[in-house]
PDB file of all heavy atoms in Angstrom:
ATOM      1  N   ASP A   1      58.798 -35.993 -46.452  1.00  0.00           N
ATOM      2  CA  ASP A   1      58.552 -34.951 -45.457  1.00  0.00           C
ATOM      3  C   ASP A   1      58.848 -33.560 -46.011  1.00  0.00           C
ATOM      4  O   ASP A   1      58.158 -32.588 -45.679  1.00  0.00           O
ATOM      5  CB  ASP A   1      59.305 -35.211 -44.151  1.00  0.00           C
ATOM      6  CG  ASP A   1      60.782 -35.487 -44.340  1.00  0.00           C
ATOM      7  OD1 ASP A   1      61.236 -35.631 -45.490  1.00  0.00           O
ATOM      8  OD2 ASP A   1      61.500 -35.585 -43.326  1.00  0.00           O
ATOM      9  N   LEU A   2      59.826 -33.442 -46.893  1.00  0.00           N
ATOM     10  CA  LEU A   2      60.095 -32.149 -47.523  1.00  0.00           C
ATOM     11  C   LEU A   2      59.020 -31.792 -48.546  1.00  0.00           C
ATOM     12  O   LEU A   2      58.645 -30.626 -48.679  1.00  0.00           O
ATOM     13  CB  LEU A   2      61.470 -32.146 -48.196  1.00  0.00           C
ATOM     14  CG  LEU A   2      62.660 -32.081 -47.255  1.00  0.00           C
ATOM     15  CD1 LEU A   2      63.962 -32.160 -48.032  1.00  0.00           C
ATOM     16  CD2 LEU A   2      62.619 -30.834 -46.411  1.00  0.00           C
ATOM     17  N   GLN A   3      58.513 -32.788 -49.255  1.00  0.00           N
ATOM     18  CA  GLN A   3      57.415 -32.531 -50.196  1.00  0.00           C
ATOM     19  C   GLN A   3      56.205 -31.968 -49.449  1.00  0.00           C
ATOM     20  O   GLN A   3      55.584 -31.006 -49.905  1.00  0.00           O
ATOM     21  CB  GLN A   3      57.008 -33.808 -50.930  1.00  0.00           C
ATOM     22  CG  GLN A   3      57.971 -34.255 -51.981  1.00  0.00           C
ATOM     23  CD  GLN A   3      57.456 -35.484 -52.723  1.00  0.00           C
ATOM     24  OE1 GLN A   3      56.304 -35.872 -52.598  1.00  0.00           O
ATOM     25  NE2 GLN A   3      58.334 -36.095 -53.495  1.00  0.00           N
ATOM     26  N   ILE A   4      55.890 -32.565 -48.318  1.00  0.00           N
ATOM     27  CA  ILE A   4      54.754 -32.084 -47.518  1.00  0.00           C
ATOM     28  C   ILE A   4      54.984 -30.641 -47.099  1.00  0.00           C
ATOM     29  O   ILE A   4      54.097 -29.799 -47.220  1.00  0.00           O
ATOM     30  CB  ILE A   4      54.535 -32.972 -46.279  1.00  0.00           C
ATOM     31  CG1 ILE A   4      54.002 -34.321 -46.694  1.00  0.00           C
ATOM     32  CG2 ILE A   4      53.585 -32.318 -45.289  1.00  0.00           C
ATOM     33  CD1 ILE A   4      53.884 -35.295 -45.548  1.00  0.00           C
ATOM     34  N   TYR A   5      56.182 -30.355 -46.590  1.00  0.00           N
ATOM     35  CA  TYR A   5      56.482 -29.010 -46.117  1.00  0.00           C
ATOM     36  C   TYR A   5      56.403 -27.988 -47.252  1.00  0.00           C
ATOM     37  O   TYR A   5      55.752 -26.949 -47.124  1.00  0.00           O
ATOM     38  CB  TYR A   5      57.870 -28.961 -45.471  1.00  0.00           C
ATOM     39  CG  TYR A   5      58.266 -27.549 -45.109  1.00  0.00           C
ATOM     40  CD1 TYR A   5      57.764 -26.945 -43.976  1.00  0.00           C
ATOM     41  CD2 TYR A   5      59.120 -26.811 -45.932  1.00  0.00           C
ATOM     42  CE1 TYR A   5      58.103 -25.639 -43.656  1.00  0.00           C
ATOM     43  CE2 TYR A   5      59.450 -25.513 -45.627  1.00  0.00           C
ATOM     44  CZ  TYR A   5      58.942 -24.930 -44.481  1.00  0.00           C
ATOM     45  OH  TYR A   5      59.275 -23.643 -44.184  1.00  0.00           O
ATOM     46  N   VAL A   6      57.053 -28.293 -48.367  1.00  0.00           N
ATOM     47  CA  VAL A   6      57.078 -27.355 -49.495  1.00  0.00           C
ATOM     48  C   VAL A   6      55.673 -27.142 -50.057  1.00  0.00           C
ATOM     49  O   VAL A   6      55.265 -26.009 -50.317  1.00  0.00           O
ATOM     50  CB  VAL A   6      58.055 -27.833 -50.597  1.00  0.00           C
ATOM     51  CG1 VAL A   6      57.914 -27.012 -51.862  1.00  0.00           C
ATOM     52  CG2 VAL A   6      59.492 -27.777 -50.088  1.00  0.00           C
ATOM     53  N   ALA A   7      54.922 -28.222 -50.223  1.00  0.00           N
ATOM     54  CA  ALA A   7      53.563 -28.098 -50.765  1.00  0.00           C
ATOM     55  C   ALA A   7      52.681 -27.279 -49.834  1.00  0.00           C
ATOM     56  O   ALA A   7      51.922 -26.410 -50.287  1.00  0.00           O
ATOM     57  CB  ALA A   7      52.965 -29.484 -51.000  1.00  0.00           C
ATOM     58  N   ALA A   8      52.767 -27.520 -48.529  1.00  0.00           N
ATOM     59  CA  ALA A   8      51.962 -26.754 -47.567  1.00  0.00           C
ATOM     60  C   ALA A   8      52.384 -25.287 -47.554  1.00  0.00           C
ATOM     61  O   ALA A   8      51.536 -24.389 -47.509  1.00  0.00           O
ATOM     62  CB  ALA A   8      52.095 -27.357 -46.172  1.00  0.00           C
ATOM     63  N   HIS A   9      53.680 -25.049 -47.610  1.00  0.00           N
ATOM     64  CA  HIS A   9      54.190 -23.674 -47.614  1.00  0.00           C
ATOM     65  C   HIS A   9      53.716 -22.929 -48.856  1.00  0.00           C
ATOM     66  O   HIS A   9      53.286 -21.772 -48.788  1.00  0.00           O
ATOM     67  CB  HIS A   9      55.719 -23.684 -47.545  1.00  0.00           C
ATOM     68  CG  HIS A   9      56.319 -22.330 -47.456  1.00  0.00           C
ATOM     69  ND1 HIS A   9      56.669 -21.605 -48.565  1.00  0.00           N
ATOM     70  CD2 HIS A   9      56.609 -21.556 -46.386  1.00  0.00           C
ATOM     71  CE1 HIS A   9      57.160 -20.439 -48.189  1.00  0.00           C
ATOM     72  NE2 HIS A   9      57.133 -20.389 -46.872  1.00  0.00           N
ATOM     73  N   GLU A  10      53.785 -23.581 -49.995  1.00  0.00           N
ATOM     74  CA  GLU A  10      53.344 -22.944 -51.247  1.00  0.00           C
ATOM     75  C   GLU A  10      51.836 -22.690 -51.239  1.00  0.00           C
ATOM     76  O   GLU A  10      51.379 -21.656 -51.717  1.00  0.00           O
ATOM     77  CB  GLU A  10      53.730 -23.807 -52.449  1.00  0.00           C
ATOM     78  CG  GLU A  10      55.203 -23.746 -52.785  1.00  0.00           C
ATOM     79  CD  GLU A  10      55.626 -22.385 -53.310  1.00  0.00           C
ATOM     80  OE1 GLU A  10      54.996 -21.861 -54.240  1.00  0.00           O
ATOM     81  OE2 GLU A  10      56.593 -21.838 -52.761  1.00  0.00           O
ATOM     82  N   THR A  11      51.070 -23.616 -50.686  1.00  0.00           N
ATOM     83  CA  THR A  11      49.620 -23.428 -50.586  1.00  0.00           C
ATOM     84  C   THR A  11      49.315 -22.220 -49.704  1.00  0.00           C
ATOM     85  O   THR A  11      48.475 -21.382 -50.047  1.00  0.00           O
ATOM     86  CB  THR A  11      48.944 -24.690 -50.017  1.00  0.00           C
ATOM     87  OG1 THR A  11      49.216 -25.782 -50.901  1.00  0.00           O
ATOM     88  CG2 THR A  11      47.452 -24.512 -49.867  1.00  0.00           C
ATOM     89  N   GLN A  12      50.007 -22.124 -48.578  1.00  0.00           N
ATOM     90  CA  GLN A  12      49.826 -20.984 -47.668  1.00  0.00           C
ATOM     91  C   GLN A  12      50.226 -19.678 -48.354  1.00  0.00           C
ATOM     92  O   GLN A  12      49.545 -18.662 -48.226  1.00  0.00           O
ATOM     93  CB  GLN A  12      50.655 -21.210 -46.399  1.00  0.00           C
ATOM     94  CG  GLN A  12      50.328 -20.267 -45.285  1.00  0.00           C
ATOM     95  CD  GLN A  12      48.930 -20.496 -44.729  1.00  0.00           C
ATOM     96  OE1 GLN A  12      48.312 -21.522 -44.961  1.00  0.00           O
ATOM     97  NE2 GLN A  12      48.413 -19.526 -44.032  1.00  0.00           N
ATOM     98  N   ARG A  13      51.326 -19.713 -49.097  1.00  0.00           N
ATOM     99  CA  ARG A  13      51.791 -18.520 -49.806  1.00  0.00           C
ATOM    100  C   ARG A  13      50.771 -18.087 -50.859  1.00  0.00           C
ATOM    101  O   ARG A  13      50.472 -16.904 -51.000  1.00  0.00           O
ATOM    102  CB  ARG A  13      53.146 -18.796 -50.475  1.00  0.00           C
ATOM    103  CG  ARG A  13      53.786 -17.577 -51.106  1.00  0.00           C
ATOM    104  CD  ARG A  13      54.975 -17.976 -51.960  1.00  0.00           C
ATOM    105  NE  ARG A  13      54.608 -18.768 -53.107  1.00  0.00           N
ATOM    106  CZ  ARG A  13      54.075 -18.276 -54.227  1.00  0.00           C
ATOM    107  NH1 ARG A  13      53.838 -17.000 -54.359  1.00  0.00           N
ATOM    108  NH2 ARG A  13      53.774 -19.081 -55.233  1.00  0.00           N
ATOM    109  N   GLU A  14      50.216 -19.054 -51.584  1.00  0.00           N
ATOM    110  CA  GLU A  14      49.215 -18.726 -52.607  1.00  0.00           C
ATOM    111  C   GLU A  14      47.961 -18.124 -51.979  1.00  0.00           C
ATOM    112  O   GLU A  14      47.389 -17.182 -52.520  1.00  0.00           O
ATOM    113  CB  GLU A  14      48.858 -19.972 -53.423  1.00  0.00           C
ATOM    114  CG  GLU A  14      49.941 -20.378 -54.398  1.00  0.00           C
ATOM    115  CD  GLU A  14      49.592 -21.621 -55.187  1.00  0.00           C
ATOM    116  OE1 GLU A  14      48.434 -22.086 -55.119  1.00  0.00           O
ATOM    117  OE2 GLU A  14      50.486 -22.132 -55.880  1.00  0.00           O
ATOM    118  N   LYS A  15      47.542 -18.647 -50.827  1.00  0.00           N
ATOM    119  CA  LYS A  15      46.375 -18.085 -50.134  1.00  0.00           C
ATOM    120  C   LYS A  15      46.646 -16.648 -49.703  1.00  0.00           C
ATOM    121  O   LYS A  15      45.790 -15.776 -49.866  1.00  0.00           O
ATOM    122  CB  LYS A  15      46.018 -18.933 -48.909  1.00  0.00           C
ATOM    123  CG  LYS A  15      45.349 -20.236 -49.239  1.00  0.00           C
ATOM    124  CD  LYS A  15      45.020 -21.012 -47.978  1.00  0.00           C
ATOM    125  CE  LYS A  15      44.392 -22.353 -48.307  1.00  0.00           C
ATOM    126  NZ  LYS A  15      44.130 -23.143 -47.100  1.00  0.00           N
ATOM    127  N   ALA A  16      47.824 -16.410 -49.162  1.00  0.00           N
ATOM    128  CA  ALA A  16      48.179 -15.049 -48.731  1.00  0.00           C
ATOM    129  C   ALA A  16      48.238 -14.108 -49.934  1.00  0.00           C
ATOM    130  O   ALA A  16      47.783 -12.951 -49.849  1.00  0.00           O
ATOM    131  CB  ALA A  16      49.519 -15.060 -47.994  1.00  0.00           C
ATOM    132  N   LEU A  17      48.757 -14.585 -51.038  1.00  0.00           N
ATOM    133  CA  LEU A  17      48.839 -13.769 -52.251  1.00  0.00           C
ATOM    134  C   LEU A  17      47.443 -13.447 -52.770  1.00  0.00           C
ATOM    135  O   LEU A  17      47.147 -12.299 -53.113  1.00  0.00           O
ATOM    136  CB  LEU A  17      49.654 -14.509 -53.320  1.00  0.00           C
ATOM    137  CG  LEU A  17      49.881 -13.783 -54.634  1.00  0.00           C
ATOM    138  CD1 LEU A  17      50.634 -12.481 -54.411  1.00  0.00           C
ATOM    139  CD2 LEU A  17      50.639 -14.670 -55.592  1.00  0.00           C
ATOM    140  N   ARG A  18      46.568 -14.449 -52.812  1.00  0.00           N
ATOM    141  CA  ARG A  18      45.185 -14.208 -53.251  1.00  0.00           C
ATOM    142  C   ARG A  18      44.475 -13.226 -52.330  1.00  0.00           C
ATOM    143  O   ARG A  18      43.750 -12.342 -52.781  1.00  0.00           O
ATOM    144  CB  ARG A  18      44.404 -15.526 -53.310  1.00  0.00           C
ATOM    145  CG  ARG A  18      44.560 -16.264 -54.627  1.00  0.00           C
ATOM    146  CD  ARG A  18      43.506 -17.361 -54.765  1.00  0.00           C
ATOM    147  NE  ARG A  18      43.553 -18.329 -53.691  1.00  0.00           N
ATOM    148  CZ  ARG A  18      44.305 -19.411 -53.684  1.00  0.00           C
ATOM    149  NH1 ARG A  18      45.088 -19.680 -54.696  1.00  0.00           N
ATOM    150  NH2 ARG A  18      44.271 -20.251 -52.667  1.00  0.00           N
ATOM    151  N   ARG A  19      44.687 -13.369 -51.022  1.00  0.00           N
ATOM    152  CA  ARG A  19      44.075 -12.458 -50.055  1.00  0.00           C
ATOM    153  C   ARG A  19      44.560 -11.032 -50.298  1.00  0.00           C
ATOM    154  O   ARG A  19      43.762 -10.089 -50.318  1.00  0.00           O
ATOM    155  CB  ARG A  19      44.406 -12.900 -48.634  1.00  0.00           C
ATOM    156  CG  ARG A  19      43.625 -12.185 -47.564  1.00  0.00           C
ATOM    157  CD  ARG A  19      43.906 -12.710 -46.140  1.00  0.00           C
ATOM    158  NE  ARG A  19      44.091 -14.136 -46.045  1.00  0.00           N
ATOM    159  CZ  ARG A  19      45.257 -14.729 -45.724  1.00  0.00           C
ATOM    160  NH1 ARG A  19      46.320 -14.020 -45.469  1.00  0.00           N
ATOM    161  NH2 ARG A  19      45.336 -16.032 -45.649  1.00  0.00           N
ATOM    162  N   ALA A  20      45.863 -10.878 -50.521  1.00  0.00           N
ATOM    163  CA  ALA A  20      46.420  -9.549 -50.782  1.00  0.00           C
ATOM    164  C   ALA A  20      45.878  -8.975 -52.081  1.00  0.00           C
ATOM    165  O   ALA A  20      45.567  -7.770 -52.162  1.00  0.00           O
ATOM    166  CB  ALA A  20      47.950  -9.612 -50.822  1.00  0.00           C
ATOM    167  N   GLN A  21      45.737  -9.814 -53.097  1.00  0.00           N
ATOM    168  CA  GLN A  21      45.182  -9.343 -54.369  1.00  0.00           C
ATOM    169  C   GLN A  21      43.724  -8.916 -54.202  1.00  0.00           C
ATOM    170  O   GLN A  21      43.305  -7.895 -54.754  1.00  0.00           O
ATOM    171  CB  GLN A  21      45.293 -10.437 -55.440  1.00  0.00           C
ATOM    172  CG  GLN A  21      46.700 -10.667 -55.911  1.00  0.00           C
ATOM    173  CD  GLN A  21      46.821 -11.883 -56.826  1.00  0.00           C
ATOM    174  OE1 GLN A  21      46.022 -12.814 -56.752  1.00  0.00           O
ATOM    175  NE2 GLN A  21      47.845 -11.872 -57.674  1.00  0.00           N
ATOM    176  N   ASN A  22      42.955  -9.660 -53.436  1.00  0.00           N
ATOM    177  CA  ASN A  22      41.561  -9.296 -53.187  1.00  0.00           C
ATOM    178  C   ASN A  22      41.461  -7.984 -52.409  1.00  0.00           C
ATOM    179  O   ASN A  22      40.627  -7.132 -52.713  1.00  0.00           O
ATOM    180  CB  ASN A  22      40.826 -10.411 -52.438  1.00  0.00           C
ATOM    181  CG  ASN A  22      40.573 -11.620 -53.298  1.00  0.00           C
ATOM    182  OD1 ASN A  22      40.563 -11.531 -54.525  1.00  0.00           O
ATOM    183  ND2 ASN A  22      40.377 -12.760 -52.664  1.00  0.00           N
ATOM    184  N   GLU A  23      42.322  -7.835 -51.398  1.00  0.00           N
ATOM    185  CA  GLU A  23      42.322  -6.591 -50.629  1.00  0.00           C
ATOM    186  C   GLU A  23      42.714  -5.407 -51.502  1.00  0.00           C
ATOM    187  O   GLU A  23      42.133  -4.321 -51.387  1.00  0.00           O
ATOM    188  CB  GLU A  23      43.271  -6.713 -49.433  1.00  0.00           C
ATOM    189  CG  GLU A  23      42.753  -7.645 -48.355  1.00  0.00           C
ATOM    190  CD  GLU A  23      43.789  -7.948 -47.278  1.00  0.00           C
ATOM    191  OE1 GLU A  23      44.926  -7.437 -47.348  1.00  0.00           O
ATOM    192  OE2 GLU A  23      43.447  -8.718 -46.357  1.00  0.00           O
ATOM    193  N   ALA A  24      43.670  -5.615 -52.393  1.00  0.00           N
ATOM    194  CA  ALA A  24      44.080  -4.535 -53.306  1.00  0.00           C
ATOM    195  C   ALA A  24      42.947  -4.182 -54.262  1.00  0.00           C
ATOM    196  O   ALA A  24      42.709  -2.999 -54.547  1.00  0.00           O
ATOM    197  CB  ALA A  24      45.325  -4.950 -54.092  1.00  0.00           C
ATOM    198  N   ALA A  25      42.218  -5.191 -54.731  1.00  0.00           N
ATOM    199  CA  ALA A  25      41.094  -4.926 -55.637  1.00  0.00           C
ATOM    200  C   ALA A  25      40.003  -4.136 -54.923  1.00  0.00           C
ATOM    201  O   ALA A  25      39.435  -3.188 -55.485  1.00  0.00           O
ATOM    202  CB  ALA A  25      40.537  -6.236 -56.182  1.00  0.00           C
ATOM    203  N   ILE A  26      39.723  -4.487 -53.686  1.00  0.00           N
ATOM    204  CA  ILE A  26      38.715  -3.757 -52.908  1.00  0.00           C
ATOM    205  C   ILE A  26      39.168  -2.315 -52.678  1.00  0.00           C
ATOM    206  O   ILE A  26      38.374  -1.377 -52.807  1.00  0.00           O
ATOM    207  CB  ILE A  26      38.437  -4.484 -51.572  1.00  0.00           C
ATOM    208  CG1 ILE A  26      37.705  -5.791 -51.846  1.00  0.00           C
ATOM    209  CG2 ILE A  26      37.645  -3.604 -50.619  1.00  0.00           C
ATOM    210  CD1 ILE A  26      37.625  -6.722 -50.648  1.00  0.00           C
ATOM    211  N   ALA A  27      40.449  -2.140 -52.364  1.00  0.00           N
ATOM    212  CA  ALA A  27      40.982  -0.783 -52.159  1.00  0.00           C
ATOM    213  C   ALA A  27      40.882   0.031 -53.447  1.00  0.00           C
ATOM    214  O   ALA A  27      40.539   1.221 -53.404  1.00  0.00           O
ATOM    215  CB  ALA A  27      42.433  -0.852 -51.673  1.00  0.00           C
ATOM    216  N   ARG A  28      41.163  -0.588 -54.596  1.00  0.00           N
ATOM    217  CA  ARG A  28      41.041   0.127 -55.879  1.00  0.00           C
ATOM    218  C   ARG A  28      39.591   0.524 -56.141  1.00  0.00           C
ATOM    219  O   ARG A  28      39.313   1.619 -56.628  1.00  0.00           O
ATOM    220  CB  ARG A  28      41.568  -0.742 -57.028  1.00  0.00           C
ATOM    221  CG  ARG A  28      43.077  -0.735 -57.163  1.00  0.00           C
ATOM    222  CD  ARG A  28      43.530  -1.360 -58.485  1.00  0.00           C
ATOM    223  NE  ARG A  28      43.106  -2.743 -58.634  1.00  0.00           N
ATOM    224  CZ  ARG A  28      43.795  -3.804 -58.202  1.00  0.00           C
ATOM    225  NH1 ARG A  28      44.938  -3.622 -57.587  1.00  0.00           N
ATOM    226  NH2 ARG A  28      43.336  -5.014 -58.394  1.00  0.00           N
ATOM    227  N   GLN A  29      38.660  -0.364 -55.814  1.00  0.00           N
ATOM    228  CA  GLN A  29      37.237  -0.051 -56.003  1.00  0.00           C
ATOM    229  C   GLN A  29      36.811   1.117 -55.102  1.00  0.00           C
ATOM    230  O   GLN A  29      36.092   2.012 -55.538  1.00  0.00           O
ATOM    231  CB  GLN A  29      36.370  -1.283 -55.698  1.00  0.00           C
ATOM    232  CG  GLN A  29      36.485  -2.372 -56.735  1.00  0.00           C
ATOM    233  CD  GLN A  29      35.775  -3.655 -56.310  1.00  0.00           C
ATOM    234  OE1 GLN A  29      35.373  -3.803 -55.162  1.00  0.00           O
ATOM    235  NE2 GLN A  29      35.637  -4.574 -57.258  1.00  0.00           N
ATOM    236  N   LYS A  30      37.278   1.103 -53.856  1.00  0.00           N
ATOM    237  CA  LYS A  30      36.947   2.199 -52.939  1.00  0.00           C
ATOM    238  C   LYS A  30      37.549   3.506 -53.427  1.00  0.00           C
ATOM    239  O   LYS A  30      36.902   4.560 -53.362  1.00  0.00           O
ATOM    240  CB  LYS A  30      37.444   1.883 -51.524  1.00  0.00           C
ATOM    241  CG  LYS A  30      36.631   0.823 -50.836  1.00  0.00           C
ATOM    242  CD  LYS A  30      37.173   0.555 -49.436  1.00  0.00           C
ATOM    243  CE  LYS A  30      36.370  -0.523 -48.729  1.00  0.00           C
ATOM    244  NZ  LYS A  30      36.896  -0.817 -47.393  1.00  0.00           N
ATOM    245  N   LEU A  31      38.780   3.447 -53.931  1.00  0.00           N
ATOM    246  CA  LEU A  31      39.426   4.641 -54.450  1.00  0.00           C
ATOM    247  C   LEU A  31      38.674   5.174 -55.658  1.00  0.00           C
ATOM    248  O   LEU A  31      38.436   6.388 -55.773  1.00  0.00           O
ATOM    249  CB  LEU A  31      40.886   4.342 -54.830  1.00  0.00           C
ATOM    250  CG  LEU A  31      41.696   5.490 -55.410  1.00  0.00           C
ATOM    251  CD1 LEU A  31      41.791   6.631 -54.404  1.00  0.00           C
ATOM    252  CD2 LEU A  31      43.073   5.018 -55.825  1.00  0.00           C
ATOM    253  N   ALA A  32      38.256   4.273 -56.536  1.00  0.00           N
ATOM    254  CA  ALA A  32      37.494   4.701 -57.713  1.00  0.00           C
ATOM    255  C   ALA A  32      36.169   5.324 -57.289  1.00  0.00           C
ATOM    256  O   ALA A  32      35.740   6.348 -57.852  1.00  0.00           O
ATOM    257  CB  ALA A  32      37.256   3.509 -58.645  1.00  0.00           C
ATOM    258  N   ALA A  33      35.512   4.747 -56.284  1.00  0.00           N
ATOM    259  CA  ALA A  33      34.251   5.309 -55.794  1.00  0.00           C
ATOM    260  C   ALA A  33      34.476   6.685 -55.182  1.00  0.00           C
ATOM    261  O   ALA A  33      33.683   7.612 -55.417  1.00  0.00           O
ATOM    262  CB  ALA A  33      33.623   4.357 -54.772  1.00  0.00           C
ATOM    263  N   CYS A  34      35.565   6.852 -54.430  1.00  0.00           N
ATOM    264  CA  CYS A  34      35.883   8.164 -53.842  1.00  0.00           C
ATOM    265  C   CYS A  34      36.146   9.190 -54.939  1.00  0.00           C
ATOM    266  O   CYS A  34      35.697  10.350 -54.848  1.00  0.00           O
ATOM    267  CB  CYS A  34      37.092   8.069 -52.920  1.00  0.00           C
ATOM    268  SG  CYS A  34      36.749   7.273 -51.350  1.00  0.00           S
ATOM    269  N   ARG A  35      36.864   8.786 -55.954  1.00  0.00           N
ATOM    270  CA  ARG A  35      37.148   9.707 -57.067  1.00  0.00           C
ATOM    271  C   ARG A  35      35.859  10.107 -57.783  1.00  0.00           C
ATOM    272  O   ARG A  35      35.700  11.253 -58.191  1.00  0.00           O
ATOM    273  CB  ARG A  35      38.141   9.090 -58.041  1.00  0.00           C
ATOM    274  CG  ARG A  35      39.542   9.057 -57.485  1.00  0.00           C
ATOM    275  CD  ARG A  35      40.525   8.516 -58.487  1.00  0.00           C
ATOM    276  NE  ARG A  35      41.870   8.571 -57.955  1.00  0.00           N
ATOM    277  CZ  ARG A  35      42.875   7.858 -58.404  1.00  0.00           C
ATOM    278  NH1 ARG A  35      42.702   7.045 -59.440  1.00  0.00           N
ATOM    279  NH2 ARG A  35      44.071   7.960 -57.878  1.00  0.00           N
ATOM    280  N   GLN A  36      34.942   9.147 -57.945  1.00  0.00           N
ATOM    281  CA  GLN A  36      33.649   9.449 -58.572  1.00  0.00           C
ATOM    282  C   GLN A  36      32.893  10.483 -57.741  1.00  0.00           C
ATOM    283  O   GLN A  36      32.321  11.436 -58.284  1.00  0.00           O
ATOM    284  CB  GLN A  36      32.796   8.174 -58.690  1.00  0.00           C
ATOM    285  CG  GLN A  36      33.246   7.224 -59.752  1.00  0.00           C
ATOM    286  CD  GLN A  36      32.821   7.685 -61.146  1.00  0.00           C
ATOM    287  OE1 GLN A  36      32.067   8.633 -61.303  1.00  0.00           O
ATOM    288  NE2 GLN A  36      33.345   7.014 -62.142  1.00  0.00           N
ATOM    289  N   LEU A  37      32.909  10.300 -56.421  1.00  0.00           N
ATOM    290  CA  LEU A  37      32.231  11.262 -55.546  1.00  0.00           C
ATOM    291  C   LEU A  37      32.866  12.641 -55.647  1.00  0.00           C
ATOM    292  O   LEU A  37      32.165  13.665 -55.676  1.00  0.00           O
ATOM    293  CB  LEU A  37      32.263  10.768 -54.092  1.00  0.00           C
ATOM    294  CG  LEU A  37      31.359   9.597 -53.756  1.00  0.00           C
ATOM    295  CD1 LEU A  37      31.593   9.121 -52.330  1.00  0.00           C
ATOM    296  CD2 LEU A  37      29.891   9.980 -53.944  1.00  0.00           C
ATOM    297  N   GLU A  38      34.196  12.674 -55.691  1.00  0.00           N
ATOM    298  CA  GLU A  38      34.896  13.965 -55.821  1.00  0.00           C
ATOM    299  C   GLU A  38      34.535  14.644 -57.142  1.00  0.00           C
ATOM    300  O   GLU A  38      34.302  15.851 -57.186  1.00  0.00           O
ATOM    301  CB  GLU A  38      36.412  13.762 -55.732  1.00  0.00           C
ATOM    302  CG  GLU A  38      36.920  13.483 -54.346  1.00  0.00           C
ATOM    303  CD  GLU A  38      38.426  13.229 -54.319  1.00  0.00           C
ATOM    304  OE1 GLU A  38      39.085  13.297 -55.382  1.00  0.00           O
ATOM    305  OE2 GLU A  38      38.929  12.937 -53.232  1.00  0.00           O
ATOM    306  N   LEU A  39      34.497  13.847 -58.224  1.00  0.00           N
ATOM    307  CA  LEU A  39      34.142  14.412 -59.526  1.00  0.00           C
ATOM    308  C   LEU A  39      32.721  14.977 -59.507  1.00  0.00           C
ATOM    309  O   LEU A  39      32.472  16.082 -60.017  1.00  0.00           O
ATOM    310  CB  LEU A  39      34.276  13.361 -60.630  1.00  0.00           C
ATOM    311  CG  LEU A  39      35.701  13.013 -61.065  1.00  0.00           C
ATOM    312  CD1 LEU A  39      35.669  11.854 -62.064  1.00  0.00           C
ATOM    313  CD2 LEU A  39      36.375  14.220 -61.678  1.00  0.00           C
ATOM    314  N   ARG A  40      31.808  14.238 -58.920  1.00  0.00           N
ATOM    315  CA  ARG A  40      30.426  14.716 -58.839  1.00  0.00           C
ATOM    316  C   ARG A  40      30.340  15.991 -58.001  1.00  0.00           C
ATOM    317  O   ARG A  40      29.640  16.925 -58.350  1.00  0.00           O
ATOM    318  CB  ARG A  40      29.526  13.642 -58.231  1.00  0.00           C
ATOM    319  CG  ARG A  40      29.202  12.533 -59.177  1.00  0.00           C
ATOM    320  CD  ARG A  40      28.192  11.577 -58.594  1.00  0.00           C
ATOM    321  NE  ARG A  40      28.199  10.341 -59.337  1.00  0.00           N
ATOM    322  CZ  ARG A  40      28.090   9.143 -58.816  1.00  0.00           C
ATOM    323  NH1 ARG A  40      27.949   9.003 -57.521  1.00  0.00           N
ATOM    324  NH2 ARG A  40      28.095   8.079 -59.580  1.00  0.00           N
ATOM    325  N   ALA A  41      31.069  15.973 -56.885  1.00  0.00           N
ATOM    326  CA  ALA A  41      31.063  17.159 -56.023  1.00  0.00           C
ATOM    327  C   ALA A  41      31.641  18.355 -56.765  1.00  0.00           C
ATOM    328  O   ALA A  41      31.103  19.475 -56.684  1.00  0.00           O
ATOM    329  CB  ALA A  41      31.843  16.888 -54.741  1.00  0.00           C
ATOM    330  N   ASP A  42      32.745  18.151 -57.505  1.00  0.00           N
ATOM    331  CA  ASP A  42      33.346  19.233 -58.291  1.00  0.00           C
ATOM    332  C   ASP A  42      32.366  19.736 -59.350  1.00  0.00           C
ATOM    333  O   ASP A  42      32.220  20.947 -59.554  1.00  0.00           O
ATOM    334  CB  ASP A  42      34.644  18.772 -58.965  1.00  0.00           C
ATOM    335  CG  ASP A  42      35.796  18.623 -57.988  1.00  0.00           C
ATOM    336  OD1 ASP A  42      35.669  19.121 -56.837  1.00  0.00           O
ATOM    337  OD2 ASP A  42      36.816  18.012 -58.367  1.00  0.00           O
ATOM    338  N   GLU A  43      31.691  18.816 -60.027  1.00  0.00           N
ATOM    339  CA  GLU A  43      30.720  19.198 -61.060  1.00  0.00           C
ATOM    340  C   GLU A  43      29.558  19.973 -60.448  1.00  0.00           C
ATOM    341  O   GLU A  43      29.094  20.968 -61.017  1.00  0.00           O
ATOM    342  CB  GLU A  43      30.202  17.958 -61.795  1.00  0.00           C
ATOM    343  CG  GLU A  43      31.234  17.330 -62.712  1.00  0.00           C
ATOM    344  CD  GLU A  43      30.772  16.000 -63.310  1.00  0.00           C
ATOM    345  OE1 GLU A  43      29.628  15.571 -63.014  1.00  0.00           O
ATOM    346  OE2 GLU A  43      31.550  15.406 -64.053  1.00  0.00           O
ATOM    347  N   GLU A  44      29.086  19.548 -59.269  1.00  0.00           N
ATOM    348  CA  GLU A  44      28.002  20.251 -58.605  1.00  0.00           C
ATOM    349  C   GLU A  44      28.442  21.645 -58.177  1.00  0.00           C
ATOM    350  O   GLU A  44      27.679  22.609 -58.295  1.00  0.00           O
ATOM    351  CB  GLU A  44      27.497  19.452 -57.394  1.00  0.00           C
ATOM    352  CG  GLU A  44      26.719  18.216 -57.779  1.00  0.00           C
ATOM    353  CD  GLU A  44      26.330  17.367 -56.576  1.00  0.00           C
ATOM    354  OE1 GLU A  44      26.545  17.805 -55.417  1.00  0.00           O
ATOM    355  OE2 GLU A  44      25.816  16.259 -56.799  1.00  0.00           O
ATOM    356  N   ASN A  45      29.681  21.754 -57.677  1.00  0.00           N
ATOM    357  CA  ASN A  45      30.203  23.059 -57.270  1.00  0.00           C
ATOM    358  C   ASN A  45      30.318  23.993 -58.474  1.00  0.00           C
ATOM    359  O   ASN A  45      29.963  25.177 -58.391  1.00  0.00           O
ATOM    360  CB  ASN A  45      31.571  22.928 -56.585  1.00  0.00           C
ATOM    361  CG  ASN A  45      31.463  22.352 -55.195  1.00  0.00           C
ATOM    362  OD1 ASN A  45      30.391  22.366 -54.593  1.00  0.00           O
ATOM    363  ND2 ASN A  45      32.568  21.844 -54.687  1.00  0.00           N
ATOM    364  N   LYS A  46      30.785  23.455 -59.601  1.00  0.00           N
ATOM    365  CA  LYS A  46      30.896  24.273 -60.815  1.00  0.00           C
ATOM    366  C   LYS A  46      29.514  24.677 -61.300  1.00  0.00           C
ATOM    367  O   LYS A  46      29.298  25.812 -61.730  1.00  0.00           O
ATOM    368  CB  LYS A  46      31.646  23.514 -61.912  1.00  0.00           C
ATOM    369  CG  LYS A  46      33.123  23.415 -61.663  1.00  0.00           C
ATOM    370  CD  LYS A  46      33.813  22.676 -62.786  1.00  0.00           C
ATOM    371  CE  LYS A  46      35.273  22.486 -62.461  1.00  0.00           C
ATOM    372  NZ  LYS A  46      35.968  21.727 -63.483  1.00  0.00           N
TER     373      LYS A  46
END
């Protein structure tokens, strides 16, 4: 019964960690896209 609990808990933890990593990757991509837009806007203004 403890093996079941620990294995299920670890599986849930790994899913949450993967979800957080995916969300962080998406946020980094959005940030990079925003920075690209800012750079283009700055270049156009110059």
